[in-house]
């Protein structure tokens, strides 16, 4: 520092004045720039104080370089730093002035949704099948003598359908009956002689045995005659006839196919994730595309399979449907609407109204600005006077509201739409423009003055 002072004494007075003036100007300019960058939001008095301290700092540095005055330089530096920091903190603490043109509210469309009873419906496709079906055959063997019914005939329980030739059995039955009469007479005679001690008990026992054998043969032949007759095990309709009269029928050979068509059943396949939603005896509507779509048939779930069938991942479910008119034919394709659980106070929401944010399903409801006043002021750090100033700047304040975000919790998705089972606040739901909103956004629900049916880019079309 001594060498710097010595060197300054060796310079000419003019050069010394220029160097000192330049140093003071540079320090003052540096102080002014620093104060301007840091404390533009500060008080103007402190701004000029900080600038003046910058000039003093430049002079003190000059004194330090020329005369070695450390104390003066430190004092000016402390004044400069203190004044600039004071100006800076005053700028941070000063509240930002209210803008004269607030952001225009987002235009949205809303709809007031009321809770009502909702019944789940599940749609499945299936095939109509007969309630019962059977392949009918003779228990005996013989030539088919007569067929009493043909295909598509309606039959009743116990009705005779076909008859085998039973001539040999009839002849055998007549012979057995004659033998039975003879043995019965011989048995009676020997029993009388035994009471007179005119015969032995052995002869009497042999006569009794012969008579019992004859009776058993008669019963066997009569049963054989029954096997030569084919009867309907249940009421229904003959679907197929497999033989002609005069053919030989062996035991078990199919003669007819009998179907029970009133009622019929619709068999559907239900995936694993939905089988738990199907209830036994659940009311069901059946619609056939082959018939008039306006005609539907009522039925109910009568069977839920406890396991999947074969390699299929579906569980078989049977729906029984009355078919007195016979319009439902086996093999027809059918659509079924099965009723599920009923919720008394549920709200139905379209998928387009719901936003998925952070793994949550949310909707927006428009709350009147007056009701959301405190939350809105807290979010935007506004005073009541500033909020009123915003309202005064808006056209039609009655159309202005605040969008509140509602997280859906207890809901199900059916046919692509939401069914909310927990109650929602009684405010209109935003149906258009939800993607533009966040919680406590200011929204407009009325028509803009400059357009009757078209909305600007920040909203949805009316």
Protein backbone atom coordinates (compact mmCIF):
# COMPACT_ATOMS: atom_id res chain seq x y z
CA UNK A 1 0.00 0.00 0.00
CA UNK A 2 2.96 2.36 0.73
CA UNK A 3 4.34 1.69 -2.73
CA UNK A 4 0.92 2.57 -4.27
CA UNK A 5 0.92 5.91 -2.39
CA UNK A 6 4.48 6.59 -3.46
CA UNK A 7 3.66 5.80 -7.05
CA UNK A 8 0.69 8.20 -6.97
CA UNK A 9 2.94 11.00 -5.79
CA UNK A 10 5.21 10.47 -8.78
CA UNK A 11 2.31 10.97 -11.27
CA UNK A 12 1.33 14.34 -12.70
CA UNK A 13 -1.60 16.17 -11.00
CA UNK A 14 -3.78 15.89 -14.11
CA UNK A 15 -3.30 12.10 -14.39
CA UNK A 16 -4.00 11.69 -10.68
CA UNK A 17 -7.24 13.65 -10.91
CA UNK A 18 -8.40 11.55 -13.90
CA UNK A 19 -7.62 8.25 -12.20
CA UNK A 20 -9.31 9.30 -8.92
CA UNK A 21 -12.39 10.61 -10.75
CA UNK A 22 -12.66 7.41 -12.77
CA UNK A 23 -12.37 5.25 -9.65
CA UNK A 24 -15.10 7.19 -7.82
CA UNK A 25 -17.39 7.08 -10.86
CA UNK A 26 -16.87 3.33 -11.30
CA UNK A 27 -17.63 2.59 -7.64
CA UNK A 28 -20.70 4.83 -7.68
CA UNK A 29 -21.94 3.16 -10.88
CA UNK A 30 -21.36 -0.30 -9.40
CA UNK A 31 -23.30 0.66 -6.28
CA UNK A 32 -26.14 2.07 -8.34
CA UNK A 33 -26.39 -1.11 -10.51
CA UNK A 34 -26.34 -3.37 -7.44
CA UNK A 35 -29.01 -1.37 -5.68
CA UNK A 36 -31.14 -1.28 -8.84
CA UNK A 37 -31.02 -5.08 -9.32
CA UNK A 38 -31.58 -5.98 -5.67
CA UNK A 39 -34.02 -3.37 -4.44
CA UNK A 40 -36.26 -2.43 -7.38
CA UNK A 41 -39.29 -3.27 -5.20
CA UNK A 42 -37.94 -1.32 -2.19
CA UNK A 43 -38.75 2.08 -0.83
CA UNK A 44 -37.40 4.97 -2.96
CA UNK A 45 -35.79 6.73 0.05
CA UNK A 46 -33.71 3.68 0.86
CA UNK A 47 -32.92 3.34 -2.82
CA UNK A 48 -31.25 6.78 -2.91
CA UNK A 49 -29.56 6.18 0.45
CA UNK A 50 -28.01 2.99 -0.91
CA UNK A 51 -26.88 4.78 -4.06
CA UNK A 52 -25.26 7.58 -2.02
CA UNK A 53 -23.49 4.98 0.14
CA UNK A 54 -22.14 3.47 -3.08
CA UNK A 55 -20.58 6.83 -3.99
CA UNK A 56 -19.07 7.12 -0.52
CA UNK A 57 -17.67 3.63 -0.86
CA UNK A 58 -15.94 4.64 -4.09
CA UNK A 59 -14.41 7.72 -2.40
CA UNK A 60 -13.27 5.66 0.59
CA UNK A 61 -11.59 3.12 -1.65
CA UNK A 62 -9.75 6.01 -3.30
CA UNK A 63 -8.67 7.24 0.11
CA UNK A 64 -7.53 3.73 0.97
CA UNK A 65 -5.39 3.51 -2.14
CA UNK A 66 -3.89 6.97 -1.81
CA UNK A 67 -3.62 7.59 1.95
CA UNK A 68 -4.25 4.14 3.52
CA UNK A 69 -7.38 5.09 5.47
CA UNK A 70 -8.74 1.67 6.42
CA UNK A 71 -11.24 2.88 9.02
CA UNK A 72 -13.09 5.19 6.62
CA UNK A 73 -13.26 2.48 3.97
CA UNK A 74 -14.73 -0.08 6.41
CA UNK A 75 -17.30 2.41 7.68
CA UNK A 76 -18.48 3.25 4.13
CA UNK A 77 -18.62 -0.44 3.18
CA UNK A 78 -20.81 -1.25 6.21
CA UNK A 79 -23.16 1.66 5.41
CA UNK A 80 -23.42 0.53 1.79
CA UNK A 81 -24.23 -3.13 2.64
CA UNK A 82 -26.72 -2.18 5.36
CA UNK A 83 -28.62 0.28 3.15
CA UNK A 84 -28.85 -2.12 0.21
CA UNK A 85 -30.07 -5.04 2.37
CA UNK A 86 -32.65 -2.81 4.05
CA UNK A 87 -33.95 -1.71 0.66
CA UNK A 88 -34.04 -5.37 -0.47
CA UNK A 89 -36.05 -6.67 2.51
CA UNK A 90 -38.49 -3.81 2.23
CA UNK A 91 -39.06 -4.85 -1.38
CA UNK A 92 -39.85 -8.46 -0.34
CA UNK A 93 -42.23 -7.42 2.42
CA UNK A 94 -44.14 -4.94 0.30
CA UNK A 95 -47.43 -6.46 -1.02
CA UNK A 96 -47.79 -6.57 -4.78
CA UNK A 97 -50.32 -4.12 -6.09
CA UNK A 98 -53.63 -5.46 -7.45
CA UNK A 99 -53.68 -5.80 -11.22
CA UNK A 100 -56.27 -3.72 -12.95
CA UNK A 101 -57.15 -6.48 -15.44
CA UNK A 102 -57.69 -9.86 -13.70
CA UNK A 103 -57.44 -13.09 -15.67
CA UNK A 104 -60.68 -13.82 -17.52
CA UNK A 105 -62.60 -16.77 -16.00
CA UNK A 106 -62.62 -20.11 -17.82
CA UNK A 107 -65.93 -20.74 -19.55
CA UNK A 108 -67.46 -24.11 -18.64
CA UNK A 109 -70.75 -25.90 -19.05
CA UNK A 110 -72.40 -27.40 -16.00
CA UNK A 111 -75.26 -29.71 -15.20
CA UNK A 112 -77.01 -30.23 -11.90
CA UNK A 113 -77.11 -33.96 -11.18
CA UNK A 114 -79.47 -35.38 -8.60
CA UNK A 115 -78.99 -38.68 -6.79
CA UNK A 116 -81.49 -41.39 -7.58
CA UNK A 117 -81.94 -45.13 -7.35
CA UNK A 118 -79.63 -47.05 -9.69
CA UNK A 119 -79.85 -50.73 -10.57
CA UNK A 120 -76.85 -52.42 -12.10
CA UNK A 121 -77.38 -54.25 -15.38
CA UNK A 122 -75.01 -56.75 -16.96
CA UNK A 123 -75.25 -57.61 -20.64
CA UNK A 124 -74.23 -61.03 -21.94
CA UNK A 125 -74.84 -63.03 -25.09
CA UNK A 126 -76.01 -66.61 -24.98
CA UNK A 127 -77.78 -69.48 -26.74
CA UNK A 128 -81.30 -70.73 -26.11
CA UNK A 129 -81.51 -74.36 -25.07
CA UNK A 130 -84.45 -76.57 -24.09
CA UNK A 131 -85.17 -76.95 -20.41
CA UNK A 132 -84.96 -80.73 -20.82
CA UNK A 133 -84.09 -83.03 -23.70
CA UNK A 134 -84.10 -86.82 -23.97
CA UNK A 135 -83.36 -89.52 -26.53
CA UNK A 136 -86.20 -92.04 -26.18
CA UNK A 137 -85.59 -95.76 -26.81
CA UNK A 138 -87.30 -99.11 -26.17
CA UNK A 139 -86.17 -101.24 -23.26
CA UNK A 140 -87.06 -104.36 -25.27
CA UNK A 141 -86.18 -105.60 -28.73
CA UNK A 142 -88.41 -106.26 -31.71
CA UNK A 143 -89.86 -104.97 -34.94
CA UNK A 144 -91.40 -101.52 -34.81
CA UNK A 145 -95.06 -102.13 -35.41
CA UNK A 146 -96.45 -98.61 -35.10
CA UNK A 147 -95.24 -95.01 -34.60
CA UNK A 148 -97.98 -92.89 -33.06
CA UNK A 149 -96.28 -89.47 -33.32
CA UNK A 150 -94.02 -87.66 -35.72
CA UNK A 151 -91.57 -84.74 -35.64
CA UNK A 152 -92.88 -81.42 -34.23
CA UNK A 153 -95.81 -83.14 -32.51
CA UNK A 154 -96.67 -82.05 -28.99
CA UNK A 155 -96.98 -84.88 -26.50
CA UNK A 156 -98.09 -85.22 -22.89
CA UNK A 157 -96.54 -87.15 -20.02
CA UNK A 158 -97.27 -90.89 -20.34
CA UNK A 159 -98.56 -90.70 -23.91
CA UNK A 160 -97.79 -93.79 -26.07
CA UNK A 161 -95.33 -92.86 -28.79
CA UNK A 162 -94.48 -96.18 -30.48
CA UNK A 163 -95.19 -99.91 -30.25
CA UNK A 164 -93.09 -103.02 -31.01
CA UNK A 165 -94.55 -106.26 -32.35
CA UNK A 166 -95.46 -108.30 -29.25
CA UNK A 167 -97.19 -111.34 -30.76
CA UNK A 168 -94.69 -113.82 -29.31
CA UNK A 169 -94.93 -112.25 -25.88
CA UNK A 170 -98.73 -112.35 -26.00
CA UNK A 171 -98.71 -116.02 -26.94
CA UNK A 172 -96.29 -116.78 -24.16
CA UNK A 173 -98.46 -114.87 -21.74
CA UNK A 174 -101.53 -116.89 -22.66
CA UNK A 175 -99.60 -120.12 -22.17
CA UNK A 176 -98.27 -118.93 -18.81
CA UNK A 177 -101.75 -118.08 -17.65
CA UNK A 178 -103.00 -121.58 -18.55
CA UNK A 179 -100.14 -123.17 -16.66
CA UNK A 180 -100.92 -120.96 -13.68
CA UNK A 181 -104.56 -122.12 -13.66
CA UNK A 182 -103.55 -125.76 -13.80
CA UNK A 183 -100.94 -125.48 -11.05
CA UNK A 184 -103.31 -123.54 -8.84
CA UNK A 185 -105.94 -126.28 -9.18
CA UNK A 186 -103.39 -129.01 -8.40
CA UNK A 187 -102.17 -127.05 -5.38
CA UNK A 188 -105.70 -126.72 -4.02
CA UNK A 189 -106.37 -130.45 -4.51
CA UNK A 190 -103.20 -131.56 -2.71
CA UNK A 191 -103.86 -129.25 0.21
CA UNK A 192 -107.28 -130.91 0.66
CA UNK A 193 -105.81 -134.41 0.47
CA UNK A 194 -103.18 -133.46 3.05
CA UNK A 195 -105.93 -132.59 5.52
CA UNK A 196 -107.35 -136.12 4.98
CA UNK A 197 -103.87 -137.68 5.37
CA UNK A 198 -104.22 -138.96 1.78
CA UNK A 199 -100.92 -137.39 0.52
CA UNK A 200 -97.62 -136.26 1.85
CA UNK A 201 -96.45 -132.72 2.62
CA UNK A 202 -93.71 -133.06 0.01
CA UNK A 203 -96.25 -133.45 -2.78
CA UNK A 204 -98.21 -130.51 -1.45
CA UNK A 205 -95.04 -128.34 -1.39
CA UNK A 206 -94.13 -129.28 -4.96
CA UNK A 207 -97.57 -128.17 -6.12
CA UNK A 208 -97.22 -124.84 -4.34
CA UNK A 209 -93.81 -124.22 -5.98
CA UNK A 210 -95.12 -124.99 -9.44
CA UNK A 211 -97.97 -122.53 -8.98
CA UNK A 212 -95.64 -119.73 -7.76
CA UNK A 213 -93.34 -120.25 -10.76
CA UNK A 214 -96.29 -119.90 -13.11
CA UNK A 215 -97.34 -116.64 -11.44
CA UNK A 216 -93.79 -115.24 -11.73
CA UNK A 217 -93.67 -116.09 -15.41
CA UNK A 218 -96.90 -114.18 -15.98
CA UNK A 219 -95.43 -111.10 -14.28
CA UNK A 220 -92.25 -111.33 -16.35
CA UNK A 221 -94.18 -111.57 -19.62
CA UNK A 222 -96.39 -108.63 -18.63
CA UNK A 223 -93.27 -106.56 -17.88
CA UNK A 224 -91.89 -107.56 -21.25
CA UNK A 225 -95.06 -106.32 -22.88
CA UNK A 226 -94.54 -102.96 -21.14
CA UNK A 227 -91.03 -102.77 -22.64
CA UNK A 228 -92.57 -103.16 -26.09
CA UNK A 229 -94.39 -99.83 -25.60
CA UNK A 230 -92.59 -96.43 -25.72
CA UNK A 231 -94.17 -93.64 -23.64
CA UNK A 232 -93.29 -89.94 -23.14
CA UNK A 233 -91.45 -89.35 -19.83
CA UNK A 234 -92.48 -85.65 -19.81
CA UNK A 235 -94.60 -83.24 -21.78
CA UNK A 236 -92.83 -81.63 -24.70
CA UNK A 237 -92.32 -81.60 -28.43
CA UNK A 238 -90.89 -84.31 -30.70
CA UNK A 239 -87.80 -82.76 -32.27
CA UNK A 240 -86.46 -85.77 -34.24
CA UNK A 241 -87.59 -89.22 -35.34
CA UNK A 242 -84.76 -91.67 -36.07
CA UNK A 243 -86.59 -94.81 -37.33
CA UNK A 244 -89.39 -95.98 -39.60
CA UNK A 245 -92.11 -98.52 -39.01
CA UNK A 246 -90.96 -102.09 -39.70
CA UNK A 247 -87.38 -101.49 -38.60
CA UNK A 248 -85.85 -103.62 -35.89
CA UNK A 249 -85.32 -101.80 -32.61
CA UNK A 250 -82.76 -103.03 -30.15
CA UNK A 251 -82.69 -101.97 -26.51
CA UNK A 252 -81.29 -98.42 -26.18
CA UNK A 253 -81.52 -97.56 -29.88
CA UNK A 254 -82.87 -93.94 -30.17
CA UNK A 255 -86.37 -93.70 -31.59
CA UNK A 256 -87.30 -90.06 -30.85
CA UNK A 257 -85.72 -86.90 -29.47
CA UNK A 258 -88.08 -85.15 -27.05
CA UNK A 259 -87.62 -81.53 -25.94
CA UNK A 260 -89.21 -79.54 -23.12
CA UNK A 261 -89.66 -76.05 -24.62
CA UNK A 262 -91.79 -74.36 -21.99
CA UNK A 263 -89.86 -72.97 -20.27
CA UNK A 264 -86.56 -72.71 -22.12
CA UNK A 265 -83.18 -71.68 -20.74
CA UNK A 266 -80.60 -69.23 -22.01
CA UNK A 267 -77.04 -70.35 -21.33
CA UNK A 268 -74.44 -67.57 -21.05
CA UNK A 269 -70.76 -67.45 -20.16
CA UNK A 270 -69.67 -65.07 -17.40
CA UNK A 271 -65.99 -64.16 -16.83
CA UNK A 272 -64.34 -64.65 -13.45
CA UNK A 273 -64.24 -60.96 -12.55
CA UNK A 274 -68.02 -60.65 -12.93
CA UNK A 275 -69.34 -63.98 -11.67
CA UNK A 276 -69.55 -62.61 -8.13
CA UNK A 277 -71.95 -59.88 -9.31
CA UNK A 278 -74.56 -62.35 -10.62
CA UNK A 279 -77.25 -63.25 -8.07
CA UNK A 280 -79.42 -66.36 -8.00
CA UNK A 281 -83.04 -65.58 -9.02
CA UNK A 282 -81.94 -62.19 -10.39
CA UNK A 283 -84.58 -60.74 -12.78
CA UNK A 284 -83.42 -60.88 -16.39
CA UNK A 285 -84.59 -59.45 -19.71
CA UNK A 286 -83.96 -61.54 -22.82
CA UNK A 287 -83.87 -59.96 -26.29
CA UNK A 288 -83.64 -61.95 -29.55
CA UNK A 289 -82.23 -60.25 -32.64
CA UNK A 290 -84.01 -62.83 -34.80
CA UNK A 291 -87.36 -61.50 -33.58
CA UNK A 292 -88.71 -57.99 -33.21
CA UNK A 293 -86.20 -56.15 -31.02
CA UNK A 294 -89.05 -54.34 -29.28
CA UNK A 295 -90.34 -57.64 -27.88
CA UNK A 296 -88.50 -58.77 -24.79
CA UNK A 297 -88.96 -61.81 -22.57
CA UNK A 298 -88.71 -61.92 -18.81
CA UNK A 299 -86.78 -64.60 -16.96
CA UNK A 300 -84.59 -65.18 -13.96
CA UNK A 301 -81.24 -66.72 -13.13
CA UNK A 302 -81.78 -70.31 -12.02
CA UNK A 303 -78.30 -71.82 -12.15
CA UNK A 304 -74.79 -70.47 -11.55
CA UNK A 305 -72.11 -73.04 -12.27
CA UNK A 306 -69.61 -73.52 -9.43
CA UNK A 307 -66.76 -74.13 -11.90
CA UNK A 308 -65.66 -73.28 -15.42
CA UNK A 309 -66.49 -75.69 -18.20
CA UNK A 310 -63.51 -77.49 -19.74
CA UNK A 311 -60.77 -75.21 -21.00
CA UNK A 312 -63.08 -72.18 -21.12
CA UNK A 313 -62.38 -69.40 -18.58
CA UNK A 314 -66.12 -68.66 -18.36
CA UNK A 315 -68.68 -69.82 -15.82
CA UNK A 316 -71.96 -71.15 -17.23
CA UNK A 317 -75.08 -69.35 -16.03
CA UNK A 318 -78.59 -70.50 -16.93
CA UNK A 319 -81.59 -68.18 -17.22
CA UNK A 320 -85.04 -69.75 -17.30
CA UNK A 321 -87.60 -68.03 -19.55
CA UNK A 322 -91.31 -68.96 -19.95
CA UNK A 323 -92.16 -69.93 -23.54
CA UNK A 324 -95.86 -70.71 -23.68
CA UNK A 325 -96.19 -69.25 -27.19
CA UNK A 326 -93.23 -71.26 -28.43
CA UNK A 327 -91.47 -68.27 -30.03
CA UNK A 328 -88.14 -69.08 -28.43
CA UNK A 329 -86.41 -71.82 -30.39
CA UNK A 330 -83.38 -73.83 -29.32
CA UNK A 331 -80.21 -72.57 -30.99
CA UNK A 332 -81.32 -68.93 -31.25
CA UNK A 333 -78.82 -66.27 -30.20
CA UNK A 334 -80.06 -64.10 -27.34
CA UNK A 335 -78.93 -61.00 -25.49
CA UNK A 336 -79.56 -60.92 -21.76
CA UNK A 337 -79.79 -57.98 -19.36
CA UNK A 338 -79.29 -59.28 -15.83
CA UNK A 339 -80.22 -57.00 -12.95
CA UNK A 340 -77.61 -56.60 -10.24
CA UNK A 341 -77.59 -54.69 -6.98
CA UNK A 342 -79.72 -51.58 -6.48
CA UNK A 343 -78.31 -48.41 -4.91
CA UNK A 344 -80.92 -46.03 -3.55
CA UNK A 345 -78.89 -42.78 -3.67
CA UNK A 346 -76.39 -42.98 -6.50
CA UNK A 347 -75.11 -40.31 -8.87
CA UNK A 348 -74.56 -41.17 -12.53
CA UNK A 349 -71.61 -39.39 -14.16
CA UNK A 350 -70.39 -39.61 -17.75
CA UNK A 351 -66.78 -40.59 -18.30
CA UNK A 352 -65.98 -37.29 -20.06
CA UNK A 353 -66.82 -35.39 -16.85
CA UNK A 354 -64.20 -37.25 -14.79
CA UNK A 355 -60.48 -36.52 -14.82
CA UNK A 356 -57.81 -38.94 -13.66
CA UNK A 357 -55.09 -37.14 -11.74
CA UNK A 358 -52.35 -38.83 -9.72
CA UNK A 359 -54.22 -42.12 -9.59
CA UNK A 360 -57.42 -40.40 -8.39
CA UNK A 361 -60.73 -39.89 -10.16
CA UNK A 362 -61.91 -36.30 -9.74
CA UNK A 363 -64.70 -34.04 -10.93
CA UNK A 364 -65.22 -30.30 -10.61
CA UNK A 365 -68.28 -28.64 -9.14
CA UNK A 366 -69.02 -24.96 -9.47
CA UNK A 367 -69.50 -23.25 -6.11
CA UNK A 368 -70.86 -19.68 -6.01
CA UNK A 369 -68.06 -17.20 -5.49
CA UNK A 370 -69.63 -15.92 -2.28
CA UNK A 371 -69.52 -19.41 -0.70
CA UNK A 372 -65.91 -20.01 -1.73
CA UNK A 373 -64.78 -16.48 -0.85
CA UNK A 374 -62.49 -17.36 2.07
CA UNK A 375 -60.72 -20.25 0.32
CA UNK A 376 -60.26 -18.19 -2.83
CA UNK A 377 -58.79 -15.25 -0.94
CA UNK A 378 -56.42 -17.53 0.99
CA UNK A 379 -55.17 -19.19 -2.19
CA UNK A 380 -54.52 -15.91 -4.00
CA UNK A 381 -53.42 -13.88 -0.91
CA UNK A 382 -56.15 -11.32 -1.50
CA UNK A 383 -57.82 -8.97 0.91
CA UNK A 384 -61.63 -8.58 0.89
CA UNK A 385 -61.21 -5.23 -0.83
CA UNK A 386 -59.04 -6.75 -3.56
CA UNK A 387 -61.53 -9.59 -4.11
CA UNK A 388 -64.36 -7.09 -4.45
CA UNK A 389 -62.27 -5.14 -6.93
CA UNK A 390 -61.92 -8.26 -9.05
CA UNK A 391 -65.65 -8.92 -8.92
CA UNK A 392 -66.39 -5.33 -9.91
CA UNK A 393 -64.16 -5.68 -12.97
CA UNK A 394 -66.06 -8.77 -14.19
CA UNK A 395 -69.18 -8.63 -16.28
CA UNK A 396 -72.24 -10.42 -14.89
CA UNK A 397 -70.82 -11.37 -11.46
CA UNK A 398 -73.78 -13.73 -10.93
CA UNK A 399 -72.35 -16.01 -13.64
CA UNK A 400 -68.99 -16.24 -11.87
CA UNK A 401 -68.15 -19.18 -9.61
CA UNK A 402 -65.24 -21.15 -8.24
CA UNK A 403 -64.43 -24.68 -9.42
CA UNK A 404 -63.93 -27.03 -6.49
CA UNK A 405 -62.21 -30.36 -7.06
CA UNK A 406 -64.05 -33.41 -5.66
CA UNK A 407 -62.25 -36.76 -5.38
CA UNK A 408 -64.52 -39.74 -6.12
CA UNK A 409 -64.10 -42.55 -3.61
CA UNK A 410 -66.98 -45.04 -3.51
CA UNK A 411 -67.85 -45.60 -7.17
CA UNK A 412 -68.23 -48.30 -9.79
CA UNK A 413 -67.83 -48.14 -13.57
CA UNK A 414 -70.69 -49.64 -15.57
CA UNK A 415 -70.95 -49.48 -19.37
CA UNK A 416 -68.13 -46.93 -19.44
CA UNK A 417 -69.79 -44.44 -17.06
CA UNK A 418 -69.32 -43.74 -13.36
CA UNK A 419 -71.88 -44.58 -10.69
CA UNK A 420 -70.94 -42.76 -7.47
CA UNK A 421 -72.45 -44.39 -4.41
CA UNK A 422 -71.40 -41.83 -1.80
CA UNK A 423 -73.28 -38.49 -1.70
CA UNK A 424 -71.81 -35.51 -3.56
CA UNK A 425 -72.12 -31.82 -2.60
CA UNK A 426 -75.24 -30.22 -4.01
CA UNK A 427 -73.53 -28.10 -6.65
CA UNK A 428 -73.57 -28.23 -10.48
CA UNK A 429 -71.03 -30.59 -12.06
CA UNK A 430 -68.71 -29.30 -14.79
CA UNK A 431 -69.51 -31.23 -17.99
CA UNK A 432 -67.38 -29.30 -20.49
CA UNK A 433 -63.98 -27.70 -19.98
CA UNK A 434 -62.78 -29.84 -17.05
CA UNK A 435 -59.31 -30.22 -18.58
CA UNK A 436 -58.77 -26.45 -18.19
CA UNK A 437 -59.46 -26.39 -14.48
CA UNK A 438 -57.66 -26.78 -11.20
CA UNK A 439 -58.97 -26.46 -7.68
CA UNK A 440 -60.31 -22.94 -6.96
CA UNK A 441 -60.21 -21.84 -10.61
CA UNK A 442 -62.55 -18.95 -11.40
CA UNK A 443 -65.12 -20.08 -13.96
CA UNK A 444 -67.92 -18.50 -15.95
CA UNK A 445 -71.15 -20.40 -16.50
CA UNK A 446 -73.06 -17.79 -18.53
CA UNK A 447 -72.84 -16.69 -22.15
CA UNK A 448 -70.08 -14.24 -23.03
CA UNK A 449 -71.30 -10.86 -24.23
CA UNK A 450 -69.19 -10.84 -27.38
CA UNK A 451 -70.55 -14.16 -28.65
CA UNK A 452 -73.95 -15.81 -28.45
CA UNK A 453 -72.94 -19.37 -29.22
CA UNK A 454 -69.14 -19.51 -29.61
CA UNK A 455 -66.64 -19.35 -26.76
CA UNK A 456 -63.06 -18.13 -27.01
CA UNK A 457 -60.06 -20.43 -26.85
CA UNK A 458 -60.03 -20.79 -23.05
CA UNK A 459 -63.37 -22.62 -22.89
CA UNK A 460 -65.72 -25.03 -24.55
CA UNK A 461 -68.25 -24.36 -27.26
CA UNK A 462 -71.74 -23.57 -26.13
